[in-house]
Protein backbone atom coordinates (compact mmCIF):
# COMPACT_ATOMS: atom_id res chain seq x y z
CA ARG A 1 -97.36 69.03 145.84
CA ILE A 2 -94.07 69.79 144.22
CA GLY A 3 -94.12 70.98 140.66
CA ALA A 4 -96.94 71.03 138.17
CA ALA A 5 -96.89 70.67 134.44
CA LYS A 6 -99.33 71.57 131.75
CA ASN A 7 -101.73 68.87 130.70
CA PHE A 8 -101.80 69.75 127.02
CA PRO A 9 -104.09 66.92 125.84
CA ALA A 10 -106.76 68.04 128.30
CA GLY A 11 -106.14 71.72 127.55
CA GLU A 12 -105.28 72.49 131.17
CA SER A 13 -102.78 75.17 132.13
CA THR A 14 -100.11 74.83 134.78
CA PHE A 15 -102.27 77.00 137.03
CA MET A 16 -105.33 74.77 136.56
CA VAL A 17 -103.32 71.64 137.33
CA GLU A 18 -101.87 73.32 140.43
CA MET A 19 -105.32 74.30 141.69
CA GLN A 20 -106.67 70.78 141.10
CA GLU A 21 -103.73 69.27 142.97
CA THR A 22 -104.09 71.76 145.83
CA ALA A 23 -107.82 71.03 146.10
CA ASN A 24 -107.06 67.30 146.20
CA ILE A 25 -104.55 67.85 149.01
CA LEU A 26 -106.94 70.03 151.02
CA ASN A 27 -109.79 67.55 150.61
CA ASN A 28 -107.76 64.48 151.57
CA THR A 29 -105.31 65.57 154.25
CA THR A 30 -105.64 64.37 157.84
CA PRO A 31 -103.92 65.33 161.10
CA GLN A 32 -101.53 62.43 160.40
CA SER A 33 -100.46 63.91 157.04
CA LEU A 34 -97.19 65.67 156.37
CA LEU A 35 -97.62 68.31 153.66
CA ILE A 36 -94.84 69.94 151.69
CA LEU A 37 -96.27 72.77 149.61
CA ASP A 38 -94.00 74.74 147.31
CA GLU A 39 -94.94 78.13 145.89
CA ILE A 40 -98.72 77.72 145.89
CA GLY A 41 -100.26 80.39 143.66
CA ARG A 42 -97.20 81.08 141.56
CA GLY A 43 -99.00 80.46 138.26
CA THR A 44 -101.09 83.63 138.43
CA SER A 45 -100.79 87.33 139.28
CA THR A 46 -99.00 88.35 142.47
CA TYR A 47 -102.14 89.46 144.31
CA ASP A 48 -104.11 86.39 143.28
CA GLY A 49 -101.16 84.17 144.20
CA ILE A 50 -100.86 85.74 147.65
CA SER A 51 -104.59 85.28 148.19
CA ILE A 52 -104.49 81.62 147.16
CA ALA A 53 -101.43 80.89 149.30
CA TRP A 54 -102.88 82.76 152.30
CA ALA A 55 -106.23 80.97 152.04
CA THR A 56 -104.53 77.58 151.74
CA ALA A 57 -102.30 78.18 154.77
CA GLU A 58 -105.17 79.62 156.80
CA PHE A 59 -107.44 76.68 155.95
CA LEU A 60 -104.81 74.19 157.05
CA ALA A 61 -104.08 76.07 160.28
CA LYS A 62 -107.72 76.53 161.28
CA SER A 63 -109.23 73.20 160.28
CA GLN A 64 -109.11 70.82 163.23
CA GLU A 65 -109.95 67.77 161.11
CA ARG A 66 -107.32 68.64 158.49
CA ARG A 67 -104.62 70.23 160.63
CA ALA A 68 -101.58 68.44 159.21
CA ARG A 69 -97.96 69.29 159.85
CA THR A 70 -97.11 71.49 156.90
CA LEU A 71 -93.96 72.90 155.35
CA PHE A 72 -95.13 75.80 153.22
CA ALA A 73 -92.38 77.29 151.04
CA THR A 74 -93.17 80.67 149.51
CA HIS A 75 -91.62 83.92 148.36
CA TYR A 76 -94.71 85.88 149.43
CA PHE A 77 -93.34 87.71 152.47
CA GLU A 78 -96.90 88.83 153.32
CA LEU A 79 -97.59 85.32 154.58
CA THR A 80 -95.19 85.84 157.49
CA GLU A 81 -98.03 87.79 159.14
CA LEU A 82 -99.92 84.52 159.63
CA GLU A 83 -97.59 83.72 162.53
CA ASN A 84 -99.08 86.69 164.41
CA LEU A 85 -102.66 85.80 163.52
CA LEU A 86 -102.95 82.03 163.80
CA PRO A 87 -101.92 79.78 166.68
CA GLY A 88 -99.55 77.02 165.66
CA VAL A 89 -98.10 78.88 162.67
CA LYS A 90 -94.34 79.45 162.83
CA ASN A 91 -92.08 81.14 160.30
CA TYR A 92 -88.63 79.88 159.46
CA ASN A 93 -86.17 81.57 157.15
CA VAL A 94 -83.45 79.58 155.42
């Protein structure tokens, strides 16, 4: 999921479109998937955004049937703590 735009005819905000796309990814990914997620949760408040991004990353890391290789780009530095909490999570800084 890279980028999201408002769906004006349907009255959906950028945030709503992003959440629908994220849900679709989480429901359809497999261990053979490669996910590139960019700034999940950016369309809402900081605390809500961190919570959404954290929950998404945690779900992907913990779910054996959905554990895809994932590149998760974010500016939420709080998510770096996941490396200490979840096996298989690694932080990279570029």
